[in-house]
Amino acid sequence: MATDPTVWAVPVYAGTIAAEQWWARRRIRAQRTTSDVTPTDAGSSTSDGGGRTIAGFETRDTLTSLAMGALSLAAPLVVPKLLAPITPGVGRHARTLVGVAAGLAVTATVADWIAREHVSDGGTAARPRRMSGLRRRLGRRPVAEVAHRTASVAGVGAVVCGGVVATTAWSHWTSPERIWSRRLLPDLGTGPVAFGVAMVGWDFIYYWNHRLMHEVRALWAIHVVHHSSERYNLSTALRQPVADALGVFIPSGLLSLLGVRPSVIAQARAWNLLYQYWIHTEAIDRLGPVEEVLNTPSLHRVHHGSNRRYLDRNHGGILIIWDRLFGTHVTEDPHEPVVYGLTKNIDSFNPAAVASHEHVAMLRDVAHARNWRDRLGHLVRRPGWQSAA
């Protein structure tokens, strides 16, 4: 923690957020005298006169972002210890959890079959000998209805238990420390070459993980925290996920195969995250040729837009060249102001709701699914996907 730049930069966060808030209030106040826009408070959205919309600050939103930032720092210190007893290869209760997940999956599968066989009372009546005992125990309730409810509960349980098993096992098996022992190239040490490889390599892996977090719903449920604010300012940069341990990501430990030490990888991660802090602002306009290579406030404003034109674009961390290479690059259009937030906003400043709302919605869809194809679809398909059935 003492060498983590994202931690010792906390005073910088406080000072720059205060300065940006002062700037936003002055800009919005100036707009009141030069346009017909009449904000309801100093943090309301207005145009900056050049086509961009200034969203400014809102007190509850800022406090939520700061709370999420604090939780994101605490989570890595607490969550691994909580998950250790059920982590395959580490915890003594891991096998039990695997057995529970398997049992629930089988239960859901059998219940799905029964529901298909008995889609109505008519279906039950058509098989009086085979199901008469079960029918008597159920009374007048249709067999299909009970089977669907059983499959719903068991399916959600299997997904939760299986998900914890899969994510904790993946995190354990792909840690930089474990991969370091199997490195293919010699130790690069801690000099400029090692740090350069780590920075570029981390940014490349970050691009793909960030892109996957927008394209895979189970990962989006983790990342959506960062996009949940309808404002765009430096405090938004601190609104970070707290459930990273529940995701399956391309491991940064792959850099260890190239001879990059785990400690150097950790430093690259911290500096990458710190770079991304300053791009969460409306105070800086386009930066010209710099945007051919680097991610900037303008390019990242696009990333936070809920406009159709801007959705799922500009995933790079420090370098924007990955988006240019892989077809996800879009520039900010002065004729289409960015609308910040989600396509369906949650309208809550409760940190618990911000952190969990998409997980809750995802599991609700899993509960309503009628088969494993649809259950898994709600986990691995794009956010918003629904079965055609």
Protein backbone atom coordinates (compact mmCIF):
# COMPACT_ATOMS: atom_id res chain seq x y z
CA MET A 1 0.00 0.00 0.00
CA ALA A 2 2.85 2.37 0.82
CA THR A 3 4.23 2.15 -2.72
CA ASP A 4 0.85 2.18 -4.48
CA PRO A 5 0.56 5.52 -6.33
CA THR A 6 -3.23 5.27 -6.36
CA VAL A 7 -3.13 5.45 -2.56
CA TRP A 8 -0.58 8.21 -1.99
CA ALA A 9 -2.35 10.29 -4.65
CA VAL A 10 -5.40 10.67 -2.38
CA PRO A 11 -4.51 14.32 -1.52
CA VAL A 12 -4.26 14.98 -5.26
CA TYR A 13 -7.74 13.54 -5.73
CA ALA A 14 -9.16 15.84 -3.06
CA GLY A 15 -7.48 18.96 -4.42
CA THR A 16 -8.30 18.40 -8.07
CA ILE A 17 -11.93 17.47 -7.37
CA ALA A 18 -12.34 20.69 -5.42
CA ALA A 19 -10.73 22.68 -8.25
CA GLU A 20 -12.92 21.03 -10.90
CA GLN A 21 -16.04 21.68 -8.86
CA TRP A 22 -15.09 25.37 -8.62
CA TRP A 23 -14.56 25.43 -12.41
CA ALA A 24 -17.90 23.72 -13.12
CA ARG A 25 -19.81 26.14 -10.93
CA ARG A 26 -18.23 29.14 -12.59
CA ARG A 27 -18.92 27.74 -16.06
CA ILE A 28 -22.54 26.98 -15.26
CA ARG A 29 -22.99 30.38 -13.62
CA ALA A 30 -21.58 32.07 -16.73
CA GLN A 31 -24.02 30.11 -18.90
CA ARG A 32 -26.94 31.52 -16.95
CA THR A 33 -26.11 34.98 -18.21
CA THR A 34 -25.31 34.00 -21.81
CA SER A 35 -28.08 31.56 -22.69
CA ASP A 36 -31.66 30.69 -21.99
CA VAL A 37 -30.55 27.66 -19.94
CA THR A 38 -31.62 28.02 -16.32
CA PRO A 39 -30.13 25.20 -14.22
CA THR A 40 -32.01 24.28 -11.06
CA ASP A 41 -28.76 24.15 -9.08
CA ALA A 42 -25.04 24.72 -9.51
CA GLY A 43 -24.53 21.12 -10.55
CA SER A 44 -27.13 20.89 -13.32
CA SER A 45 -26.20 20.17 -16.90
CA THR A 46 -25.72 23.00 -19.36
CA SER A 47 -23.87 23.71 -22.58
CA ASP A 48 -20.35 25.12 -22.53
CA GLY A 49 -21.08 27.18 -25.66
CA GLY A 50 -19.03 24.89 -27.90
CA GLY A 51 -21.54 22.09 -28.30
CA ARG A 52 -20.48 20.09 -25.24
CA THR A 53 -22.74 19.54 -22.26
CA ILE A 54 -21.38 20.30 -18.81
CA ALA A 55 -22.95 17.87 -16.34
CA GLY A 56 -21.14 19.33 -13.34
CA PHE A 57 -21.44 17.92 -9.83
CA GLU A 58 -24.32 16.72 -7.68
CA THR A 59 -23.61 16.29 -3.96
CA ARG A 60 -25.23 12.88 -3.45
CA ASP A 61 -23.66 11.55 -6.65
CA THR A 62 -20.21 12.73 -5.60
CA LEU A 63 -20.54 11.20 -2.14
CA THR A 64 -21.59 7.91 -3.72
CA SER A 65 -18.55 7.95 -5.99
CA LEU A 66 -16.25 8.64 -3.05
CA ALA A 67 -17.86 5.85 -1.03
CA MET A 68 -17.43 3.40 -3.90
CA GLY A 69 -13.80 4.46 -4.20
CA ALA A 70 -13.18 3.73 -0.52
CA LEU A 71 -14.93 0.36 -0.79
CA SER A 72 -12.86 -0.56 -3.86
CA LEU A 73 -9.70 -0.02 -1.81
CA ALA A 74 -11.00 -2.07 1.11
CA ALA A 75 -12.43 -4.97 -0.93
CA PRO A 76 -9.06 -6.48 -2.03
CA LEU A 77 -8.00 -6.57 1.62
CA VAL A 78 -11.15 -8.34 2.82
CA VAL A 79 -12.75 -10.36 0.00
CA PRO A 80 -9.83 -12.77 -0.68
CA LYS A 81 -9.81 -13.76 3.00
CA LEU A 82 -13.55 -14.38 2.93
CA LEU A 83 -13.31 -16.48 -0.23
CA ALA A 84 -10.18 -18.43 0.75
CA PRO A 85 -12.06 -21.27 2.55
CA ILE A 86 -14.09 -22.04 -0.60
CA THR A 87 -11.34 -21.48 -3.19
CA PRO A 88 -10.40 -24.69 -5.07
CA GLY A 89 -6.84 -25.69 -4.31
CA VAL A 90 -6.79 -23.55 -1.17
CA GLY A 91 -9.88 -23.88 1.01
CA ARG A 92 -11.11 -26.95 2.85
CA HIS A 93 -14.75 -26.24 1.94
CA ALA A 94 -14.16 -25.92 -1.81
CA ARG A 95 -15.19 -29.50 -2.58
CA THR A 96 -18.38 -29.08 -0.62
CA LEU A 97 -19.28 -26.00 -2.65
CA VAL A 98 -18.51 -27.87 -5.89
CA GLY A 99 -20.82 -30.68 -4.75
CA VAL A 100 -23.60 -28.25 -3.87
CA ALA A 101 -23.27 -26.52 -7.24
CA ALA A 102 -23.39 -29.85 -9.09
CA GLY A 103 -26.40 -31.06 -7.07
CA LEU A 104 -28.31 -27.87 -7.75
CA ALA A 105 -27.47 -28.05 -11.45
CA VAL A 106 -28.81 -31.61 -11.64
CA THR A 107 -31.94 -30.60 -9.74
CA ALA A 108 -32.59 -27.72 -12.13
CA THR A 109 -32.03 -29.98 -15.14
CA VAL A 110 -34.48 -32.62 -13.89
CA ALA A 111 -37.04 -29.95 -12.98
CA ASP A 112 -36.69 -28.46 -16.48
CA TRP A 113 -37.46 -31.87 -17.97
CA ILE A 114 -40.51 -32.38 -15.75
CA ALA A 115 -41.79 -28.91 -16.62
CA ARG A 116 -41.46 -29.63 -20.34
CA GLU A 117 -43.26 -32.93 -19.95
CA HIS A 118 -46.11 -31.41 -18.00
CA VAL A 119 -46.71 -27.95 -19.37
CA SER A 120 -50.28 -27.84 -18.05
CA ASP A 121 -52.83 -29.74 -15.99
CA GLY A 122 -53.84 -31.39 -19.22
CA GLY A 123 -50.33 -32.72 -19.60
CA THR A 124 -50.42 -34.08 -16.06
CA ALA A 125 -53.78 -35.70 -16.55
CA ALA A 126 -52.56 -37.39 -19.70
CA ARG A 127 -50.05 -39.39 -17.63
CA PRO A 128 -52.11 -40.42 -14.57
CA ARG A 129 -50.19 -43.63 -13.86
CA ARG A 130 -46.67 -42.21 -14.12
CA MET A 131 -47.30 -39.08 -12.05
CA SER A 132 -50.36 -39.95 -9.96
CA GLY A 133 -48.41 -40.21 -6.66
CA LEU A 134 -46.62 -36.92 -7.24
CA ARG A 135 -49.87 -35.33 -8.40
CA ARG A 136 -51.62 -36.35 -5.16
CA ARG A 137 -48.80 -34.89 -3.04
CA LEU A 138 -48.98 -31.62 -4.96
CA GLY A 139 -52.73 -31.34 -4.56
CA ARG A 140 -54.32 -29.10 -7.19
CA ARG A 141 -51.10 -27.24 -8.09
CA PRO A 142 -49.97 -28.06 -11.64
CA VAL A 143 -46.83 -30.18 -11.84
CA ALA A 144 -45.32 -27.82 -14.43
CA GLU A 145 -45.68 -24.85 -12.07
CA VAL A 146 -43.91 -26.63 -9.21
CA ALA A 147 -41.20 -27.86 -11.56
CA HIS A 148 -40.61 -24.36 -12.90
CA ARG A 149 -40.29 -22.96 -9.40
CA THR A 150 -37.91 -25.71 -8.40
CA ALA A 151 -35.81 -25.15 -11.51
CA SER A 152 -35.80 -21.41 -10.85
CA VAL A 153 -34.45 -21.72 -7.30
CA ALA A 154 -32.01 -24.51 -8.13
CA GLY A 155 -30.82 -22.76 -11.29
CA VAL A 156 -30.00 -19.54 -9.44
CA GLY A 157 -28.28 -21.50 -6.67
CA ALA A 158 -26.21 -23.47 -9.17
CA VAL A 159 -25.18 -20.29 -10.98
CA VAL A 160 -24.15 -18.55 -7.75
CA CYS A 161 -22.26 -21.50 -6.29
CA GLY A 162 -20.73 -22.49 -9.61
CA GLY A 163 -19.78 -18.90 -10.33
CA VAL A 164 -17.95 -18.56 -7.01
CA VAL A 165 -16.10 -21.83 -7.67
CA ALA A 166 -15.11 -20.82 -11.20
CA THR A 167 -14.00 -17.28 -10.37
CA THR A 168 -12.01 -18.13 -7.25
CA ALA A 169 -10.32 -21.07 -8.95
CA TRP A 170 -9.42 -18.95 -11.98
CA SER A 171 -8.03 -16.17 -9.80
CA HIS A 172 -5.92 -18.66 -7.85
CA TRP A 173 -4.58 -20.56 -10.86
CA THR A 174 -3.74 -17.48 -12.92
CA SER A 175 -2.14 -15.27 -10.27
CA PRO A 176 1.13 -13.59 -11.35
CA GLU A 177 2.95 -15.40 -8.56
CA ARG A 178 1.93 -18.86 -9.83
CA ILE A 179 2.61 -18.01 -13.47
CA TRP A 180 5.97 -16.43 -12.54
CA SER A 181 7.25 -19.84 -11.47
CA ARG A 182 6.51 -21.10 -15.00
CA ARG A 183 7.95 -18.13 -16.92
CA LEU A 184 9.29 -18.72 -20.42
CA LEU A 185 11.81 -15.85 -20.56
CA PRO A 186 14.51 -14.77 -18.11
CA ASP A 187 13.80 -12.33 -15.30
CA LEU A 188 13.72 -8.79 -16.71
CA GLY A 189 14.44 -7.29 -13.30
CA THR A 190 12.99 -3.96 -12.18
CA GLY A 191 14.57 -1.54 -14.64
CA PRO A 192 13.09 0.57 -17.45
CA VAL A 193 12.81 -2.34 -19.89
CA ALA A 194 10.79 -4.43 -17.43
CA PHE A 195 8.57 -1.48 -16.53
CA GLY A 196 8.04 -0.58 -20.21
CA VAL A 197 7.03 -4.15 -21.09
CA ALA A 198 4.72 -4.23 -18.07
CA MET A 199 3.06 -0.92 -18.95
CA VAL A 200 2.40 -1.74 -22.61
CA GLY A 201 1.48 -5.34 -21.82
CA TRP A 202 -0.89 -4.34 -19.03
CA ASP A 203 -2.57 -1.75 -21.24
CA PHE A 204 -3.10 -4.33 -24.00
CA ILE A 205 -4.60 -6.86 -21.57
CA TYR A 206 -6.63 -4.06 -19.97
CA TYR A 207 -8.15 -3.15 -23.34
CA TRP A 208 -9.46 -6.69 -23.90
CA ASN A 209 -10.69 -7.12 -20.34
CA HIS A 210 -12.41 -3.74 -20.49
CA ARG A 211 -14.00 -4.63 -23.81
CA LEU A 212 -15.17 -7.98 -22.46
CA MET A 213 -16.69 -6.22 -19.45
CA HIS A 214 -18.94 -4.38 -21.89
CA GLU A 215 -19.77 -7.48 -23.95
CA VAL A 216 -20.26 -10.21 -21.31
CA ARG A 217 -23.10 -9.58 -18.90
CA ALA A 218 -21.56 -11.31 -15.87
CA LEU A 219 -18.54 -9.03 -16.23
CA TRP A 220 -20.71 -6.01 -17.01
CA ALA A 221 -22.46 -6.60 -13.68
CA ILE A 222 -19.10 -5.86 -12.03
CA HIS A 223 -18.07 -2.96 -14.26
CA VAL A 224 -21.45 -1.21 -14.47
CA VAL A 225 -20.65 0.46 -11.13
CA HIS A 226 -18.21 2.74 -12.92
CA HIS A 227 -20.80 3.78 -15.52
CA SER A 228 -23.71 4.28 -13.13
CA SER A 229 -23.18 8.00 -12.56
CA GLU A 230 -25.12 10.47 -14.71
CA ARG A 231 -22.34 12.99 -14.11
CA TYR A 232 -18.83 13.05 -15.48
CA ASN A 233 -16.15 14.49 -13.28
CA LEU A 234 -13.01 13.48 -11.41
CA SER A 235 -15.04 11.90 -8.61
CA THR A 236 -16.51 9.52 -11.20
CA ALA A 237 -13.01 8.12 -11.72
CA LEU A 238 -13.08 6.92 -8.12
CA ARG A 239 -16.39 5.07 -8.58
CA GLN A 240 -14.72 1.70 -8.96
CA PRO A 241 -16.09 -1.87 -8.77
CA VAL A 242 -15.90 -3.77 -5.50
CA ALA A 243 -16.65 -7.26 -6.88
CA ASP A 244 -13.63 -7.86 -9.13
CA ALA A 245 -13.02 -11.15 -7.32
CA LEU A 246 -16.24 -12.48 -8.89
CA GLY A 247 -15.03 -12.07 -12.47
CA VAL A 248 -13.08 -14.23 -14.89
CA PHE A 249 -10.62 -12.00 -16.70
CA ILE A 250 -7.67 -12.38 -19.04
CA PRO A 251 -4.92 -12.69 -16.42
CA SER A 252 -2.30 -9.98 -16.12
CA GLY A 253 -0.10 -12.79 -14.86
CA LEU A 254 0.52 -13.69 -18.50
CA LEU A 255 3.14 -10.93 -18.43
CA SER A 256 5.09 -13.05 -15.97
CA LEU A 257 5.66 -15.56 -18.78
CA LEU A 258 7.69 -12.79 -20.45
CA GLY A 259 9.90 -12.36 -17.39
CA VAL A 260 8.02 -9.48 -15.75
CA ARG A 261 8.01 -9.79 -11.98
CA PRO A 262 4.64 -9.77 -10.18
CA SER A 263 5.67 -6.66 -8.23
CA VAL A 264 6.37 -4.82 -11.49
CA ILE A 265 2.99 -5.92 -12.88
CA ALA A 266 1.32 -4.50 -9.76
CA GLN A 267 3.08 -1.17 -10.31
CA ALA A 268 2.00 -1.09 -13.97
CA ARG A 269 -1.60 -1.68 -12.90
CA ALA A 270 -1.44 1.15 -10.37
CA TRP A 271 0.07 3.66 -12.80
CA ASN A 272 -2.42 2.69 -15.50
CA LEU A 273 -5.29 3.32 -13.09
CA LEU A 274 -3.77 6.58 -11.94
CA TYR A 275 -3.43 7.80 -15.54
CA GLN A 276 -7.12 7.19 -16.08
CA TYR A 277 -8.03 9.50 -13.20
CA TRP A 278 -7.36 12.75 -15.06
CA ILE A 279 -9.35 11.77 -18.16
CA HIS A 280 -12.60 11.79 -16.17
CA THR A 281 -13.26 15.49 -16.59
CA GLU A 282 -15.27 17.94 -18.64
CA ALA A 283 -12.78 20.74 -18.01
CA ILE A 284 -10.39 19.64 -20.78
CA ASP A 285 -11.45 19.82 -24.43
CA ARG A 286 -9.99 18.01 -27.44
CA LEU A 287 -6.18 17.65 -27.40
CA GLY A 288 -5.45 17.42 -31.12
CA PRO A 289 -2.71 15.04 -32.37
CA VAL A 290 -2.23 13.58 -28.89
CA GLU A 291 -5.50 11.73 -29.39
CA GLU A 292 -4.01 9.70 -32.20
CA VAL A 293 -2.10 7.69 -29.59
CA LEU A 294 -3.27 8.44 -26.05
CA ASN A 295 -6.60 8.19 -24.30
CA THR A 296 -7.85 11.67 -23.35
CA PRO A 297 -10.82 13.29 -21.55
CA SER A 298 -12.62 13.79 -24.86
CA LEU A 299 -12.18 10.17 -25.93
CA HIS A 300 -13.16 8.84 -22.52
CA ARG A 301 -16.24 11.04 -22.34
CA VAL A 302 -17.38 9.06 -25.36
CA HIS A 303 -16.81 5.83 -23.45
CA HIS A 304 -19.15 7.01 -20.68
CA GLY A 305 -21.90 7.98 -23.10
CA SER A 306 -25.23 6.18 -23.28
CA ASN A 307 -25.87 7.54 -26.81
CA ARG A 308 -26.17 4.77 -29.37
CA ARG A 309 -23.25 6.24 -31.34
CA TYR A 310 -20.99 6.10 -28.28
CA LEU A 311 -21.99 2.79 -26.70
CA ASP A 312 -19.13 0.33 -26.06
CA ARG A 313 -16.40 2.48 -27.62
CA ASN A 314 -12.91 3.63 -26.61
CA HIS A 315 -11.94 0.87 -24.17
CA GLY A 316 -8.25 1.75 -23.97
CA GLY A 317 -6.60 2.66 -20.68
CA ILE A 318 -3.57 4.79 -21.54
CA LEU A 319 -3.23 4.02 -25.25
CA ILE A 320 -6.09 4.57 -27.69
CA ILE A 321 -4.24 2.71 -30.44
CA TRP A 322 -5.86 -0.58 -29.38
CA ASP A 323 -9.30 0.86 -30.21
CA ARG A 324 -8.01 2.08 -33.55
CA LEU A 325 -6.54 -1.34 -34.33
CA PHE A 326 -9.58 -3.38 -33.25
CA GLY A 327 -12.43 -1.19 -34.51
CA THR A 328 -13.86 0.34 -31.33
CA HIS A 329 -12.60 3.90 -31.76
CA VAL A 330 -15.00 6.88 -31.97
CA THR A 331 -14.32 10.58 -31.51
CA GLU A 332 -16.54 13.01 -29.63
CA ASP A 333 -19.01 14.67 -31.99
CA PRO A 334 -19.65 18.36 -31.17
CA HIS A 335 -23.11 17.98 -32.71
CA GLU A 336 -24.07 15.07 -30.43
CA PRO A 337 -23.41 15.90 -26.76
CA VAL A 338 -22.56 12.92 -24.60
CA VAL A 339 -25.38 11.71 -22.37
CA TYR A 340 -23.73 10.17 -19.32
CA GLY A 341 -24.98 7.17 -17.43
CA LEU A 342 -26.66 3.92 -18.42
CA THR A 343 -29.23 3.23 -21.11
CA LYS A 344 -31.52 2.51 -18.14
CA ASN A 345 -30.37 4.45 -15.10
CA ILE A 346 -30.87 3.04 -11.60
CA ASP A 347 -31.92 6.36 -9.98
CA SER A 348 -30.21 5.53 -6.69
CA PHE A 349 -27.30 6.92 -4.70
CA ASN A 350 -27.20 3.94 -2.34
CA PRO A 351 -23.73 2.33 -2.66
CA ALA A 352 -25.24 -1.12 -2.02
CA ALA A 353 -27.71 -0.66 -4.88
CA VAL A 354 -25.02 0.75 -7.16
CA ALA A 355 -22.75 -2.23 -6.48
CA SER A 356 -25.39 -4.95 -6.77
CA HIS A 357 -28.23 -3.81 -9.04
CA GLU A 358 -27.02 -5.54 -12.20
CA HIS A 359 -26.18 -8.77 -10.36
CA VAL A 360 -29.72 -8.75 -8.97
CA ALA A 361 -31.23 -8.14 -12.41
CA MET A 362 -29.05 -10.82 -13.99
CA LEU A 363 -30.03 -13.44 -11.40
CA ARG A 364 -33.68 -12.45 -11.82
CA ASP A 365 -33.38 -13.24 -15.52
CA VAL A 366 -31.65 -16.53 -14.68
CA ALA A 367 -34.55 -17.37 -12.36
CA HIS A 368 -37.05 -16.82 -15.19
CA ALA A 369 -35.10 -18.91 -17.70
CA ARG A 370 -36.56 -22.29 -18.69
CA ASN A 371 -33.38 -24.13 -19.69
CA TRP A 372 -29.62 -24.04 -19.28
CA ARG A 373 -29.02 -22.47 -22.67
CA ASP A 374 -30.96 -19.41 -21.58
CA ARG A 375 -29.51 -19.37 -18.06
CA LEU A 376 -25.98 -19.35 -19.42
CA GLY A 377 -27.03 -16.86 -22.08
CA HIS A 378 -27.96 -14.37 -19.36
CA LEU A 379 -24.44 -14.77 -17.98
CA VAL A 380 -22.20 -14.77 -21.05
CA ARG A 381 -24.18 -12.97 -23.74
CA ARG A 382 -24.24 -9.20 -24.14
CA PRO A 383 -26.06 -7.03 -21.55
CA GLY A 384 -29.70 -6.74 -22.52
CA TRP A 385 -29.79 -10.10 -24.30
CA GLN A 386 -33.08 -11.99 -24.02
CA SER A 387 -34.02 -15.41 -25.27
CA ALA A 388 -36.10 -15.51 -28.43
CA ALA A 389 -38.17 -18.35 -26.93
